[in-house]
Amino acid sequence: MFDKTLWAEVPFHFWTLCFFAFGSVVGSFLNVCIYRLPRDESVVQPGSHCPHCGHAIPWYLNIPLLTWLWLRARCADCGAEISVRYFIVELLTALMFATCWMRFGHASPGAALVYCLVIAGFIAATFIDFEHFIIPDQITVGGMVAGLLCAFFVPGTHLRFPLLAPARFPGVGMGESVLGMAVGAGLVYAILRLGKLLFGRYKLQLAPGTRLFFTETNLHLPAQTIPYEELFYRPNDTIRLEAEHVELIDRCYRHVEVRLQPKELRIGPDVFEPEKVPHLEAVADQIVLPREAMGLGDVKFMAAIGAFLGWPAVVFALALSSLIGSLAGVVMILLGRRDWSARLPYGPYIALAAIIWIFGGYRWVHGII
C-alpha cells in the first residue's frame, strides 16, 4: 500500500488536497484530545458537545474549519464563544499534513503518513503542555508503541540514511527505533536528574523570625508575593520549610517541617488537602522553593521522538530546543515579561526542534553521524 508507483497513478496535488482535508479532520479530533486528556476524560464518549452548555453537536455543525467560520465562533445552541484554538489546531494540522505530503510524497507515501502521525502528536502535546504543563502518557507512551510499529512497516523514516535508499528489512527499522527510545529517554533523564540535583531547588534565606503567609492562591514573602501557579508546574513540585511556629485557623504547631504540594499539605505528621486550608502562617528563617526546567513527561516525550525519528534526531532536538528555549527567554525578558519566560513549558521547544529535523534539519548533520 506504500508503493509510490501506485500513488502516482493519481495526480500528485490531488493527494495534497486529500492530505489537507484529512489533516483538518485529524485536527478536529486533536481538539478533543487537547481538551479531554488532561481531564482524564474519554476521547470517544460522549460525542462532540459544547463545553459550556453540553449540547450535542450534530455532524453538519461539526465540519472542520468551515463550522467555526460559519457560526462566527459561537455555539449554535447557547451562543457561548468557541475558542479560536479549535480553528487554529484544525488549520495548523491541515497545513502540516499537506506539507508532509508535498515534502515526502514523491519519495515515500508511507513516510509522509508517518510524519503526519508524528506531527499530530506534536500539536496535541504542545497545546496541552502550554495549558496544563503536562504531556499525557497517551501521547508519550502511545507514541513509543506507534513509533515501533511504524518502524516495522516504514523503516526509512528515521532519516539516518537517505529516504530514497532501498527499503531495508523490518528488523533494521525496529533496531533504530529501540535505539532512539533508549537514547532519548536515557539522555534526557540524565539531564533531568543532574539539573534537579544542581538547580531543582532554590533555597531562600530569610531574616530570623520572618513570618510567611500561605493563602489560597499565593505565597506571601516579606518582599514579594508569588502565585502558586508560578511555583507548581507539576504535581510533585514542593515548597519546604522548617518552621519554628505554624498557625492554622484551628490549631498551632512548633518546630515542624512544612511541605506543600499542589494536592497535599504536610505539617509534621499531619496531612491536609490544600484547598481546605485557606490560610496558614509560619515563622521560619529559610524556605526551599521548587525549580525545574524538565519533567518525566519530557523524558517520555523524547523517547517517543526517538522511536519515530531515531537517535540522531534526539540529539539534534535536544540541542536545538535548548537554543530555542534560550532565545524565547531572552525575547520575553526584552519584552518585560521575565515571569513568562520562567513559566513556559519545555515540551513545545522539543516538538519544534523535531519538526525542523523532519523538514531538513537532518541534512545539516547527514554525513557526520
Protein backbone atom coordinates (compact mmCIF):
# COMPACT_ATOMS: atom_id res chain seq x y z
CA MET A 1 0.00 0.00 0.00
CA PHE A 2 3.03 2.32 0.34
CA ASP A 3 4.28 1.68 -3.21
CA LYS A 4 4.84 5.16 -4.64
CA THR A 5 4.11 3.96 -8.20
CA LEU A 6 0.54 3.14 -7.16
CA TRP A 7 0.05 6.54 -5.56
CA ALA A 8 1.48 8.18 -8.70
CA GLU A 9 -1.47 6.87 -10.72
CA VAL A 10 -3.42 9.83 -9.30
CA PRO A 11 -2.25 13.45 -9.85
CA PHE A 12 0.17 14.48 -7.09
CA HIS A 13 -1.74 17.54 -5.90
CA PHE A 14 -4.99 15.63 -5.70
CA TRP A 15 -3.29 13.87 -2.81
CA THR A 16 -2.17 17.25 -1.48
CA LEU A 17 -5.83 18.28 -1.19
CA CYS A 18 -6.67 14.92 0.38
CA PHE A 19 -3.94 15.33 2.97
CA PHE A 20 -5.16 18.87 3.75
CA ALA A 21 -8.75 17.66 4.21
CA PHE A 22 -7.63 14.63 6.21
CA GLY A 23 -5.45 16.88 8.37
CA SER A 24 -8.38 19.14 9.20
CA VAL A 25 -10.38 16.10 10.33
CA VAL A 26 -7.47 14.88 12.45
CA GLY A 27 -7.13 18.40 13.85
CA SER A 28 -10.77 18.26 14.94
CA PHE A 29 -10.01 15.05 16.82
CA LEU A 30 -6.86 16.61 18.31
CA ASN A 31 -9.05 19.36 19.77
CA VAL A 32 -10.98 16.64 21.58
CA CYS A 33 -7.73 15.16 22.88
CA ILE A 34 -6.37 18.56 23.94
CA TYR A 35 -9.48 19.28 25.99
CA ARG A 36 -10.20 15.83 27.43
CA LEU A 37 -6.89 14.05 28.03
CA PRO A 38 -5.66 16.41 30.79
CA ARG A 39 -9.05 15.99 32.47
CA ASP A 40 -8.87 12.17 32.31
CA GLU A 41 -11.97 12.05 30.12
CA SER A 42 -12.64 9.59 27.32
CA VAL A 43 -11.90 10.86 23.82
CA VAL A 44 -14.60 8.53 22.44
CA GLN A 45 -17.64 9.02 24.66
CA PRO A 46 -19.62 11.20 24.83
CA GLY A 47 -19.60 12.61 21.31
CA SER A 48 -18.71 16.18 20.43
CA HIS A 49 -20.58 18.67 22.58
CA CYS A 50 -20.42 22.28 23.66
CA PRO A 51 -18.18 22.59 26.76
CA HIS A 52 -20.44 25.39 28.06
CA CYS A 53 -23.97 24.01 27.73
CA GLY A 54 -23.25 20.34 26.98
CA HIS A 55 -25.43 20.37 23.84
CA ALA A 56 -24.52 17.54 21.45
CA ILE A 57 -23.10 18.87 18.18
CA PRO A 58 -24.72 17.31 15.07
CA TRP A 59 -22.45 16.17 12.26
CA TYR A 60 -23.47 19.00 9.94
CA LEU A 61 -22.28 21.52 12.56
CA ASN A 62 -19.05 19.64 13.17
CA ILE A 63 -17.29 20.18 9.85
CA PRO A 64 -13.63 21.15 10.43
CA LEU A 65 -12.67 24.76 9.70
CA LEU A 66 -15.96 25.63 7.99
CA THR A 67 -18.27 25.32 11.00
CA TRP A 68 -16.20 27.64 13.20
CA LEU A 69 -16.26 30.30 10.47
CA TRP A 70 -19.95 29.76 9.63
CA LEU A 71 -21.06 30.07 13.26
CA ARG A 72 -18.69 33.01 13.85
CA ALA A 73 -17.03 31.24 16.76
CA ARG A 74 -20.27 30.75 18.66
CA CYS A 75 -22.17 27.71 19.88
CA ALA A 76 -25.29 27.22 17.75
CA ASP A 77 -27.34 26.30 20.83
CA CYS A 78 -26.28 28.61 23.69
CA GLY A 79 -24.33 31.26 21.80
CA ALA A 80 -21.24 30.87 24.00
CA GLU A 81 -17.93 31.76 22.42
CA ILE A 82 -15.89 28.94 20.89
CA SER A 83 -12.16 29.38 21.45
CA VAL A 84 -10.07 30.28 18.41
CA ARG A 85 -7.78 27.44 19.45
CA TYR A 86 -10.18 24.99 17.77
CA PHE A 87 -9.78 26.70 14.41
CA ILE A 88 -6.00 27.14 14.82
CA VAL A 89 -5.44 23.46 15.63
CA GLU A 90 -7.54 22.30 12.66
CA LEU A 91 -5.85 24.70 10.24
CA LEU A 92 -2.35 24.00 11.54
CA THR A 93 -2.85 20.24 11.32
CA ALA A 94 -4.27 20.51 7.79
CA LEU A 95 -1.34 22.64 6.62
CA MET A 96 1.24 20.36 8.23
CA PHE A 97 -0.31 17.24 6.67
CA ALA A 98 -0.31 18.85 3.23
CA THR A 99 3.30 19.96 3.74
CA CYS A 100 4.35 16.44 4.72
CA TRP A 101 2.86 15.11 1.51
CA MET A 102 4.47 17.77 -0.67
CA ARG A 103 7.86 17.21 1.01
CA PHE A 104 7.91 13.40 1.15
CA GLY A 105 5.09 12.16 -1.10
CA HIS A 106 7.25 11.82 -4.23
CA ALA A 107 9.84 9.70 -2.42
CA SER A 108 7.70 7.70 0.02
CA PRO A 109 3.93 8.00 0.66
CA GLY A 110 4.44 5.81 3.72
CA ALA A 111 6.96 8.24 5.18
CA ALA A 112 4.57 11.14 4.55
CA LEU A 113 1.85 9.35 6.53
CA VAL A 114 4.22 8.50 9.38
CA TYR A 115 5.41 12.10 9.67
CA CYS A 116 1.79 13.25 9.67
CA LEU A 117 1.18 10.98 12.65
CA VAL A 118 4.28 12.30 14.44
CA ILE A 119 3.35 15.94 13.88
CA ALA A 120 -0.23 15.32 15.02
CA GLY A 121 1.22 14.09 18.31
CA PHE A 122 3.46 17.17 18.49
CA ILE A 123 0.49 19.50 18.02
CA ALA A 124 -1.58 17.84 20.73
CA ALA A 125 1.37 17.70 23.14
CA THR A 126 2.24 21.36 22.54
CA PHE A 127 -1.22 22.75 23.24
CA ILE A 128 -1.71 20.53 26.30
CA ASP A 129 1.72 21.40 27.70
CA PHE A 130 1.15 25.12 27.24
CA GLU A 131 -2.11 24.99 29.19
CA HIS A 132 -1.51 22.27 31.79
CA PHE A 133 2.30 21.82 31.93
CA ILE A 134 1.95 18.09 31.29
CA ILE A 135 2.26 15.74 28.32
CA PRO A 136 -0.19 12.83 28.83
CA ASP A 137 1.04 9.24 28.67
CA GLN A 138 -1.45 8.57 25.90
CA ILE A 139 0.77 10.73 23.70
CA THR A 140 4.23 9.80 25.01
CA VAL A 141 3.88 6.09 25.81
CA GLY A 142 1.44 5.66 22.95
CA GLY A 143 3.98 7.39 20.72
CA MET A 144 6.66 4.87 21.66
CA VAL A 145 4.43 1.96 20.68
CA ALA A 146 3.31 3.67 17.47
CA GLY A 147 6.92 4.51 16.63
CA LEU A 148 7.94 0.86 16.88
CA LEU A 149 5.06 -0.22 14.64
CA CYS A 150 5.82 2.47 12.08
CA ALA A 151 9.49 1.47 12.08
CA PHE A 152 8.44 -2.07 11.21
CA PHE A 153 6.26 -1.09 8.25
CA VAL A 154 8.15 2.02 7.03
CA PRO A 155 11.79 1.55 8.13
CA GLY A 156 13.14 4.53 6.18
CA THR A 157 11.53 7.24 8.31
CA HIS A 158 14.44 7.60 10.71
CA LEU A 159 16.31 9.59 8.05
CA ARG A 160 19.64 8.30 9.26
CA PHE A 161 20.06 7.19 5.69
CA PRO A 162 18.69 8.84 2.52
CA LEU A 163 14.93 8.39 2.25
CA LEU A 164 15.28 7.23 -1.35
CA ALA A 165 17.54 4.34 -0.40
CA PRO A 166 16.09 0.84 -0.94
CA ALA A 167 13.84 -0.33 1.88
CA ARG A 168 15.59 -2.43 4.49
CA PHE A 169 14.25 -5.46 6.21
CA PRO A 170 11.94 -4.51 9.11
CA GLY A 171 14.42 -5.57 11.79
CA VAL A 172 16.73 -2.66 10.90
CA GLY A 173 13.94 -0.14 11.37
CA MET A 174 12.91 -1.71 14.67
CA GLY A 175 16.50 -1.61 15.89
CA GLU A 176 16.79 2.08 15.01
CA SER A 177 13.53 2.73 16.85
CA VAL A 178 14.59 0.91 20.03
CA LEU A 179 17.97 2.65 20.00
CA GLY A 180 16.22 6.01 19.51
CA MET A 181 13.97 5.39 22.51
CA ALA A 182 16.89 4.35 24.69
CA VAL A 183 19.00 7.37 23.75
CA GLY A 184 16.04 9.76 24.02
CA ALA A 185 14.89 8.57 27.43
CA GLY A 186 18.37 7.99 28.83
CA LEU A 187 19.89 11.28 27.71
CA VAL A 188 17.02 13.48 28.88
CA TYR A 189 16.62 11.56 32.16
CA ALA A 190 20.31 12.06 32.91
CA ILE A 191 19.94 15.78 32.23
CA LEU A 192 16.79 15.87 34.37
CA ARG A 193 18.47 14.24 37.35
CA LEU A 194 21.59 16.38 37.04
CA GLY A 195 19.52 19.53 36.65
CA LYS A 196 17.37 18.59 39.62
CA LEU A 197 20.45 17.98 41.71
CA LEU A 198 22.10 21.26 40.72
CA PHE A 199 19.18 23.62 40.09
CA GLY A 200 15.96 21.87 41.14
CA ARG A 201 15.59 23.70 44.41
CA TYR A 202 16.02 27.33 45.30
CA LYS A 203 16.85 27.93 48.96
CA LEU A 204 15.85 31.41 50.07
CA GLN A 205 17.49 32.66 53.24
CA LEU A 206 15.28 34.87 55.44
CA ALA A 207 15.87 37.02 58.47
CA PRO A 208 15.35 35.20 61.77
CA GLY A 209 11.72 35.27 62.85
CA THR A 210 10.37 36.03 59.35
CA ARG A 211 6.63 35.48 59.04
CA LEU A 212 5.36 33.77 55.90
CA PHE A 213 1.73 33.70 54.80
CA PHE A 214 0.15 31.00 52.64
CA THR A 215 -3.26 31.95 51.24
CA GLU A 216 -5.50 30.10 48.80
CA THR A 217 -3.67 31.46 45.76
CA ASN A 218 -0.34 32.99 46.82
CA LEU A 219 2.75 32.67 48.95
CA HIS A 220 3.45 35.98 50.69
CA LEU A 221 7.12 36.65 51.47
CA PRO A 222 8.40 39.83 53.13
CA ALA A 223 9.49 41.39 49.85
CA GLN A 224 7.25 39.71 47.29
CA THR A 225 4.08 37.77 46.63
CA ILE A 226 4.39 34.64 44.46
CA PRO A 227 1.31 32.99 42.90
CA TYR A 228 1.32 29.22 43.32
CA GLU A 229 0.95 28.84 39.57
CA GLU A 230 4.49 30.21 39.20
CA LEU A 231 5.85 27.56 41.59
CA PHE A 232 3.77 24.47 40.89
CA TYR A 233 4.32 23.33 37.32
CA ARG A 234 4.00 19.61 38.10
CA PRO A 235 2.19 17.56 40.79
CA ASN A 236 5.40 16.69 42.69
CA ASP A 237 6.71 20.26 42.99
CA THR A 238 7.14 21.03 46.68
CA ILE A 239 7.61 24.07 48.91
CA ARG A 240 9.58 23.09 52.03
CA LEU A 241 10.45 24.89 55.24
CA GLU A 242 11.46 24.12 58.81
CA ALA A 243 9.07 26.27 60.78
CA GLU A 244 9.59 27.50 64.31
CA HIS A 245 5.89 28.16 64.58
CA VAL A 246 2.85 27.37 62.40
CA GLU A 247 -0.64 28.76 62.85
CA LEU A 248 -3.81 27.49 61.21
CA ILE A 249 -7.29 28.76 61.88
CA ASP A 250 -7.97 26.00 64.41
CA ARG A 251 -4.54 24.78 65.62
CA CYS A 252 -0.84 25.58 66.08
CA TYR A 253 2.45 23.70 65.72
CA ARG A 254 6.00 24.31 66.92
CA HIS A 255 9.28 23.23 65.32
CA VAL A 256 7.83 21.18 62.47
CA GLU A 257 8.58 20.62 58.81
CA VAL A 258 6.04 22.05 56.35
CA ARG A 259 5.74 20.53 52.85
CA LEU A 260 3.24 22.00 50.41
CA GLN A 261 2.43 20.37 47.06
CA PRO A 262 -0.46 21.15 44.67
CA LYS A 263 -2.56 18.31 46.11
CA GLU A 264 -1.13 17.80 49.60
CA LEU A 265 -0.06 19.83 52.64
CA ARG A 266 2.05 18.14 55.33
CA ILE A 267 2.67 19.80 58.68
CA GLY A 268 4.75 17.48 60.81
CA PRO A 269 2.84 14.16 60.93
CA ASP A 270 -0.49 15.66 59.79
CA VAL A 271 -1.71 15.68 56.19
CA PHE A 272 -4.28 18.12 54.78
CA GLU A 273 -5.89 18.94 51.45
CA PRO A 274 -4.53 22.40 50.50
CA GLU A 275 -7.89 23.70 49.28
CA LYS A 276 -9.32 23.07 52.77
CA VAL A 277 -6.64 25.23 54.42
CA PRO A 278 -7.48 28.79 53.32
CA HIS A 279 -4.80 30.44 55.47
CA LEU A 280 -1.52 29.32 57.01
CA GLU A 281 1.04 31.45 58.82
CA ALA A 282 4.57 30.23 59.55
CA VAL A 283 7.73 31.60 61.14
CA ALA A 284 11.00 30.44 59.55
CA ASP A 285 14.48 31.65 58.61
CA GLN A 286 14.61 29.90 55.23
CA ILE A 287 12.31 28.36 52.62
CA VAL A 288 13.02 25.99 49.74
CA LEU A 289 11.09 26.70 46.55
CA PRO A 290 10.75 24.27 43.61
CA ARG A 291 12.53 24.98 40.37
CA GLU A 292 12.55 22.56 37.46
CA ALA A 293 13.03 23.04 33.72
CA MET A 294 12.15 19.50 32.63
CA GLY A 295 9.99 16.67 33.95
CA LEU A 296 9.43 12.96 33.37
CA GLY A 297 6.87 13.85 30.72
CA ASP A 298 9.72 15.38 28.69
CA VAL A 299 11.74 12.17 29.16
CA LYS A 300 8.92 10.03 27.73
CA PHE A 301 8.25 12.60 25.03
CA MET A 302 11.85 12.44 23.84
CA ALA A 303 11.72 8.63 23.93
CA ALA A 304 8.68 8.74 21.63
CA ILE A 305 10.54 11.08 19.27
CA GLY A 306 13.46 8.65 19.24
CA ALA A 307 11.11 5.77 18.43
CA PHE A 308 9.80 7.62 15.37
CA LEU A 309 12.87 9.53 14.18
CA GLY A 310 15.93 7.73 15.59
CA TRP A 311 18.72 8.70 17.95
CA PRO A 312 20.32 11.40 15.74
CA ALA A 313 17.01 13.28 15.81
CA VAL A 314 17.02 13.07 19.62
CA VAL A 315 20.47 14.67 19.88
CA PHE A 316 19.54 17.31 17.32
CA ALA A 317 16.21 18.11 19.01
CA LEU A 318 17.78 18.35 22.45
CA ALA A 319 20.48 20.75 21.27
CA LEU A 320 18.20 22.92 19.14
CA SER A 321 15.38 23.01 21.70
CA SER A 322 17.84 24.38 24.26
CA LEU A 323 18.76 27.15 21.85
CA ILE A 324 15.11 27.88 21.05
CA GLY A 325 14.25 27.97 24.74
CA SER A 326 17.09 30.36 25.44
CA LEU A 327 16.03 32.68 22.62
CA ALA A 328 12.42 32.60 23.82
CA GLY A 329 13.56 33.51 27.33
CA VAL A 330 15.64 36.42 26.04
CA VAL A 331 12.70 37.70 23.97
CA MET A 332 10.38 37.52 26.99
CA ILE A 333 12.88 39.44 29.10
CA LEU A 334 13.31 42.10 26.41
CA LEU A 335 9.53 42.45 26.27
CA GLY A 336 9.42 42.94 30.03
CA ARG A 337 7.85 39.51 30.60
CA ARG A 338 10.56 37.84 32.67
CA ASP A 339 7.88 35.97 34.65
CA TRP A 340 6.54 34.44 31.42
CA SER A 341 9.97 33.05 30.50
CA ALA A 342 10.01 31.02 33.71
CA ARG A 343 6.52 29.64 33.09
CA LEU A 344 6.91 28.40 29.52
CA PRO A 345 6.98 24.57 29.31
CA TYR A 346 9.84 22.80 27.56
CA GLY A 347 7.83 20.27 25.53
CA PRO A 348 6.87 22.72 22.74
CA TYR A 349 10.54 23.60 22.18
CA ILE A 350 11.35 19.91 21.74
CA ALA A 351 8.43 19.47 19.32
CA LEU A 352 9.51 22.47 17.22
CA ALA A 353 13.11 21.23 17.07
CA ALA A 354 11.94 17.76 15.98
CA ILE A 355 9.78 19.27 13.22
CA ILE A 356 12.79 21.23 11.98
CA TRP A 357 14.70 17.94 11.89
CA ILE A 358 11.96 16.31 9.80
CA PHE A 359 11.81 19.11 7.24
CA GLY A 360 15.51 19.47 6.65
CA GLY A 361 17.47 19.59 9.88
CA TYR A 362 18.72 16.07 9.27
CA ARG A 363 20.55 17.36 6.20
CA TRP A 364 22.68 19.60 8.43
CA VAL A 365 24.15 16.61 10.21
CA HIS A 366 23.87 13.98 7.49
CA GLY A 367 27.30 12.53 6.83
CA ILE A 368 28.54 13.35 10.33
CA ILE A 369 26.64 10.55 12.08
